[in-house]
Amino acid sequence: MKLVPLFALPVAAAALGAWLVVGRSATDGDAGAASVGPVDIAAGEALYGDYCASCHGANIEGQEDWRSPGTDGRLPAPPHDDTGHTWHHPDSVLFAYTKLGGKAALEAQGISFDSGMPGFGDQLSDQQIRDILGYIRSTWPDRIQDVQRQRTQDDTRAKEGDT
């Protein structure tokens, strides 16, 4: 009987949700760079191909069975298209998760979760991370972009209220 798959998705969702609710820590300084300045979509697409496609798919489709943990207990890479959950998160979360890696980004918030997402902060500049996220965002339908943009604005306002 496979109990891990039954619990892994809710645990992952709870961990990410808790990070959104709890999180206003040291990662915010880095995550504050998430929405700064324009992005280069073409550069982001090329960088995505070099750094992200091997796990998230050349067409941002993610890995098969991305909602069920693999034999290592980790969830496979999710899709970044509108069938995934990337667009459910504000830019600051996406930026920190990409720069620090999933495990480190969540640990900075006091959440223990063994994410398979590595950090790219030592390989990519903040601008390159923004370009990749801009490319991913550009593939979403307008409605999804609007929802994600509103979540980013709400997150920004909430952080400004904390200062």
Protein backbone atom coordinates (compact mmCIF):
# COMPACT_ATOMS: atom_id res chain seq x y z
CA MET A 1 0.00 0.00 0.00
CA LYS A 2 1.42 3.37 -1.07
CA LEU A 3 0.67 5.93 1.65
CA VAL A 4 3.29 8.49 0.68
CA PRO A 5 1.58 9.60 -2.55
CA LEU A 6 -1.66 10.18 -0.66
CA PHE A 7 0.01 12.62 1.69
CA ALA A 8 2.80 14.17 -0.37
CA LEU A 9 0.75 16.66 -2.37
CA PRO A 10 -1.15 18.05 0.63
CA VAL A 11 2.12 18.29 2.57
CA ALA A 12 3.80 20.11 -0.29
CA ALA A 13 0.82 22.42 -0.72
CA ALA A 14 0.68 23.10 3.01
CA ALA A 15 4.40 23.83 3.11
CA LEU A 16 4.16 26.29 0.24
CA GLY A 17 0.99 27.81 1.68
CA ALA A 18 2.59 28.23 5.08
CA TRP A 19 5.56 29.91 3.43
CA LEU A 20 3.22 32.39 1.79
CA VAL A 21 1.45 33.14 5.07
CA VAL A 22 4.42 33.08 7.44
CA GLY A 23 7.17 34.26 5.19
CA ARG A 24 8.66 37.68 5.54
CA SER A 25 12.25 36.82 6.37
CA ALA A 26 15.77 37.17 5.06
CA THR A 27 14.76 35.78 1.68
CA ASP A 28 12.60 38.86 1.14
CA GLY A 29 15.69 40.93 0.45
CA ASP A 30 16.58 38.67 -2.43
CA ALA A 31 12.97 38.11 -3.42
CA GLY A 32 12.49 41.87 -3.55
CA ALA A 33 14.52 41.76 -6.73
CA ALA A 34 11.81 39.58 -8.28
CA SER A 35 9.81 42.32 -9.98
CA VAL A 36 12.47 44.96 -10.54
CA GLY A 37 12.85 46.29 -14.07
CA PRO A 38 11.99 44.96 -17.50
CA VAL A 39 12.59 41.40 -18.61
CA ASP A 40 14.04 40.03 -21.83
CA ILE A 41 11.64 37.29 -22.95
CA ALA A 42 13.96 35.96 -25.68
CA ALA A 43 16.88 35.73 -23.26
CA GLY A 44 14.58 34.07 -20.72
CA GLU A 45 13.49 31.48 -23.25
CA ALA A 46 17.10 30.63 -24.11
CA LEU A 47 18.07 30.45 -20.43
CA TYR A 48 15.02 28.31 -19.70
CA GLY A 49 16.22 25.87 -22.37
CA ASP A 50 19.69 25.78 -20.82
CA TYR A 51 18.76 25.56 -17.13
CA CYS A 52 15.14 24.47 -16.70
CA ALA A 53 13.94 22.35 -19.62
CA SER A 54 15.82 19.23 -18.54
CA CYS A 55 13.44 18.92 -15.58
CA HIS A 56 10.41 21.07 -16.44
CA GLY A 57 10.26 20.11 -20.12
CA ALA A 58 11.12 21.92 -23.33
CA ASN A 59 7.47 22.98 -23.62
CA ILE A 60 7.11 23.77 -19.89
CA GLU A 61 5.00 20.61 -19.56
CA GLY A 62 6.74 19.27 -16.44
CA GLN A 63 7.44 15.65 -15.64
CA GLU A 64 4.90 12.83 -15.77
CA ASP A 65 2.95 12.21 -12.58
CA TRP A 66 4.24 15.46 -11.09
CA ARG A 67 1.66 15.28 -8.30
CA SER A 68 2.96 11.91 -7.01
CA PRO A 69 6.33 11.47 -5.31
CA GLY A 70 8.98 9.40 -7.00
CA THR A 71 10.86 6.56 -5.35
CA ASP A 72 13.08 9.15 -3.63
CA GLY A 73 10.02 10.73 -1.97
CA ARG A 74 10.35 13.95 -3.93
CA LEU A 75 7.69 15.33 -6.21
CA PRO A 76 8.71 15.45 -9.89
CA ALA A 77 9.13 18.83 -11.55
CA PRO A 78 5.71 20.43 -12.13
CA PRO A 79 4.61 22.03 -15.38
CA HIS A 80 4.94 25.78 -15.68
CA ASP A 81 1.99 26.08 -18.04
CA ASP A 82 -1.56 26.83 -16.90
CA THR A 83 -2.08 23.21 -15.81
CA GLY A 84 0.54 23.57 -13.08
CA HIS A 85 0.68 25.73 -9.97
CA THR A 86 3.48 28.14 -10.83
CA TRP A 87 1.01 30.90 -11.65
CA HIS A 88 -0.62 30.50 -8.22
CA HIS A 89 2.42 32.14 -6.58
CA PRO A 90 3.59 35.76 -6.49
CA ASP A 91 6.85 36.76 -8.15
CA SER A 92 8.71 36.91 -4.81
CA VAL A 93 8.01 33.22 -4.12
CA LEU A 94 8.97 32.14 -7.64
CA PHE A 95 12.14 34.23 -7.51
CA ALA A 96 13.27 32.92 -4.10
CA TYR A 97 12.43 29.33 -5.03
CA THR A 98 14.52 29.64 -8.20
CA LYS A 99 17.42 31.51 -6.64
CA LEU A 100 17.71 29.59 -3.37
CA GLY A 101 16.18 26.26 -4.35
CA GLY A 102 13.02 24.82 -2.89
CA LYS A 103 14.47 23.28 0.23
CA ALA A 104 16.53 26.34 1.21
CA ALA A 105 13.73 28.80 0.39
CA LEU A 106 11.32 26.87 2.60
CA GLU A 107 13.88 26.32 5.37
CA ALA A 108 14.41 30.09 5.50
CA GLN A 109 10.74 30.23 6.47
CA GLY A 110 11.07 27.51 9.10
CA ILE A 111 9.47 24.85 6.91
CA SER A 112 11.12 21.49 6.44
CA PHE A 113 10.37 20.04 3.02
CA ASP A 114 12.74 18.08 0.78
CA SER A 115 12.08 19.78 -2.55
CA GLY A 116 13.93 18.50 -5.58
CA MET A 117 14.26 22.05 -6.96
CA PRO A 118 17.91 23.14 -6.87
CA GLY A 119 18.93 26.73 -6.34
CA PHE A 120 20.39 28.65 -9.28
CA GLY A 121 21.64 31.74 -7.45
CA ASP A 122 25.25 30.69 -7.97
CA GLN A 123 24.73 30.11 -11.70
CA LEU A 124 22.29 32.84 -12.73
CA SER A 125 22.14 36.55 -12.01
CA ASP A 126 18.99 38.09 -10.54
CA GLN A 127 18.24 39.55 -13.98
CA GLN A 128 18.58 36.16 -15.65
CA ILE A 129 16.18 34.64 -13.11
CA ARG A 130 13.72 37.47 -13.81
CA ASP A 131 14.10 36.86 -17.55
CA ILE A 132 13.33 33.14 -17.14
CA LEU A 133 10.29 33.88 -14.99
CA GLY A 134 9.20 36.50 -17.53
CA TYR A 135 9.45 33.96 -20.32
CA ILE A 136 7.40 31.42 -18.36
CA ARG A 137 4.80 34.09 -17.57
CA SER A 138 4.62 35.07 -21.24
CA THR A 139 3.39 31.59 -22.17
CA TRP A 140 0.29 31.83 -19.96
CA PRO A 141 -3.11 32.92 -21.26
CA ASP A 142 -4.00 36.54 -20.44
CA ARG A 143 -6.47 35.51 -17.74
CA ILE A 144 -3.80 33.50 -15.90
CA GLN A 145 -1.28 36.32 -16.26
CA ASP A 146 -3.82 38.73 -14.74
CA VAL A 147 -4.43 36.43 -11.75
CA GLN A 148 -0.73 35.97 -11.11
CA ARG A 149 -0.07 39.71 -11.51
CA GLN A 150 -2.76 40.45 -8.90
CA ARG A 151 -1.22 37.93 -6.50
CA THR A 152 2.14 39.61 -6.95
CA GLN A 153 0.62 43.05 -6.30
CA ASP A 154 -1.17 41.76 -3.19
CA ASP A 155 2.04 40.18 -1.94
CA THR A 156 3.96 43.41 -2.53
CA ARG A 157 1.34 45.45 -0.66
CA ALA A 158 1.39 42.99 2.23
CA LYS A 159 5.18 43.22 2.50
CA GLU A 160 5.06 47.03 2.36
CA GLY A 161 2.55 46.91 5.21
CA ASP A 162 5.02 44.84 7.27
CA THR A 163 7.72 47.48 7.11
